[in-house]
Amino acid sequence: MKKASMSASLSTDASISYKDYRFPPDIISYAVWLYYRFPLSLPMVEEIQAARGIELTYEPVRDWGDEVRFADR
């Protein structure tokens, strides 16, 4: 059962285009994962990324999350 859920997430990631983004795909996916996996606000995700040395505002995280959410439809 775990393999099926992993393959579903991989197919979702494959449909997302990271072209023309300032940050690499792993940073984008991590920020979106934090936002949807844990009950965190967008500024809290921004703070967690800042603690890792990644300077960004919460607006890109919101945009990335919207793109992921609407890609499933």
C-alpha atoms as a PDB file:
ATOM      1  CA  MET A   1       0.000   0.000   0.000  1.00  0.00           C
ATOM      2  CA  LYS A   2       2.845   2.348   0.706  1.00  0.00           C
ATOM      3  CA  LYS A   3       4.250   1.903  -2.807  1.00  0.00           C
ATOM      4  CA  ALA A   4       0.930   2.922  -4.351  1.00  0.00           C
ATOM      5  CA  SER A   5       0.840   6.145  -2.349  1.00  0.00           C
ATOM      6  CA  MET A   6       4.435   6.908  -3.291  1.00  0.00           C
ATOM      7  CA  SER A   7       3.760   6.366  -6.983  1.00  0.00           C
ATOM      8  CA  ALA A   8       0.708   8.643  -6.781  1.00  0.00           C
ATOM      9  CA  SER A   9       2.818  11.434  -5.308  1.00  0.00           C
ATOM     10  CA  LEU A  10       5.497  10.930  -7.943  1.00  0.00           C
ATOM     11  CA  SER A  11       2.989  11.258 -10.748  1.00  0.00           C
ATOM     12  CA  THR A  12       1.688  14.491  -9.182  1.00  0.00           C
ATOM     13  CA  ASP A  13       5.224  15.874  -8.954  1.00  0.00           C
ATOM     14  CA  ALA A  14       5.855  14.954 -12.580  1.00  0.00           C
ATOM     15  CA  SER A  15       2.953  17.139 -13.745  1.00  0.00           C
ATOM     16  CA  ILE A  16       4.355  20.235 -12.024  1.00  0.00           C
ATOM     17  CA  SER A  17       6.688  22.383 -14.073  1.00  0.00           C
ATOM     18  CA  TYR A  18       9.496  24.099 -12.179  1.00  0.00           C
ATOM     19  CA  LYS A  19      10.595  26.109 -15.207  1.00  0.00           C
ATOM     20  CA  ASP A  20      11.284  29.815 -14.653  1.00  0.00           C
ATOM     21  CA  TYR A  21      11.408  29.516 -10.857  1.00  0.00           C
ATOM     22  CA  ARG A  22      14.175  31.167  -8.883  1.00  0.00           C
ATOM     23  CA  PHE A  23      14.527  28.244  -6.476  1.00  0.00           C
ATOM     24  CA  PRO A  24      15.373  24.607  -7.269  1.00  0.00           C
ATOM     25  CA  PRO A  25      12.566  22.016  -7.236  1.00  0.00           C
ATOM     26  CA  ASP A  26      13.693  20.427  -3.947  1.00  0.00           C
ATOM     27  CA  ILE A  27      13.314  23.729  -2.068  1.00  0.00           C
ATOM     28  CA  ILE A  28       9.913  24.371  -3.643  1.00  0.00           C
ATOM     29  CA  SER A  29       8.655  20.873  -2.845  1.00  0.00           C
ATOM     30  CA  TYR A  30       9.952  21.045   0.724  1.00  0.00           C
ATOM     31  CA  ALA A  31       8.217  24.375   1.398  1.00  0.00           C
ATOM     32  CA  VAL A  32       4.920  23.151  -0.056  1.00  0.00           C
ATOM     33  CA  TRP A  33       5.242  19.871   1.842  1.00  0.00           C
ATOM     34  CA  LEU A  34       5.771  21.729   5.130  1.00  0.00           C
ATOM     35  CA  TYR A  35       2.744  23.922   4.505  1.00  0.00           C
ATOM     36  CA  TYR A  36       0.356  21.086   3.690  1.00  0.00           C
ATOM     37  CA  ARG A  37       1.759  18.394   5.998  1.00  0.00           C
ATOM     38  CA  PHE A  38       1.855  20.369   9.244  1.00  0.00           C
ATOM     39  CA  PRO A  39      -0.505  23.025  10.615  1.00  0.00           C
ATOM     40  CA  LEU A  40       1.859  25.862   9.758  1.00  0.00           C
ATOM     41  CA  SER A  41       1.096  29.335   8.536  1.00  0.00           C
ATOM     42  CA  LEU A  42       2.896  30.687   5.479  1.00  0.00           C
ATOM     43  CA  PRO A  43       5.089  33.019   7.587  1.00  0.00           C
ATOM     44  CA  MET A  44       6.078  30.014   9.731  1.00  0.00           C
ATOM     45  CA  VAL A  45       7.184  28.140   6.603  1.00  0.00           C
ATOM     46  CA  GLU A  46       9.163  31.254   5.668  1.00  0.00           C
ATOM     47  CA  GLU A  47      10.885  31.190   9.082  1.00  0.00           C
ATOM     48  CA  ILE A  48      11.732  27.484   8.788  1.00  0.00           C
ATOM     49  CA  GLN A  49      13.276  28.071   5.387  1.00  0.00           C
ATOM     50  CA  ALA A  50      15.214  31.073   6.760  1.00  0.00           C
ATOM     51  CA  ALA A  51      16.620  28.842   9.511  1.00  0.00           C
ATOM     52  CA  ARG A  52      17.944  26.601   6.723  1.00  0.00           C
ATOM     53  CA  GLY A  53      19.568  29.615   5.031  1.00  0.00           C
ATOM     54  CA  ILE A  54      16.946  30.036   2.309  1.00  0.00           C
ATOM     55  CA  GLU A  55      15.724  33.603   1.980  1.00  0.00           C
ATOM     56  CA  LEU A  56      12.208  33.802   0.595  1.00  0.00           C
ATOM     57  CA  THR A  57       8.905  35.411   1.461  1.00  0.00           C
ATOM     58  CA  TYR A  58       5.684  33.534   2.018  1.00  0.00           C
ATOM     59  CA  GLU A  59       4.145  34.734  -1.263  1.00  0.00           C
ATOM     60  CA  PRO A  60       6.058  32.238  -3.434  1.00  0.00           C
ATOM     61  CA  VAL A  61       5.120  29.423  -1.049  1.00  0.00           C
ATOM     62  CA  ARG A  62       1.459  30.403  -1.410  1.00  0.00           C
ATOM     63  CA  ASP A  63       1.790  30.512  -5.211  1.00  0.00           C
ATOM     64  CA  TRP A  64       3.548  27.133  -5.294  1.00  0.00           C
ATOM     65  CA  GLY A  65       0.876  25.622  -3.064  1.00  0.00           C
ATOM     66  CA  ASP A  66      -1.876  26.973  -5.307  1.00  0.00           C
ATOM     67  CA  GLU A  67      -0.163  25.506  -8.353  1.00  0.00           C
ATOM     68  CA  VAL A  68       0.073  22.089  -6.708  1.00  0.00           C
ATOM     69  CA  ARG A  69      -3.528  22.208  -5.512  1.00  0.00           C
ATOM     70  CA  PHE A  70      -4.904  23.239  -8.911  1.00  0.00           C
ATOM     71  CA  ALA A  71      -2.687  20.767 -10.811  1.00  0.00           C
ATOM     72  CA  ASP A  72      -4.676  17.925  -9.230  1.00  0.00           C
ATOM     73  CA  ARG A  73      -7.963  19.148 -10.737  1.00  0.00           C
END
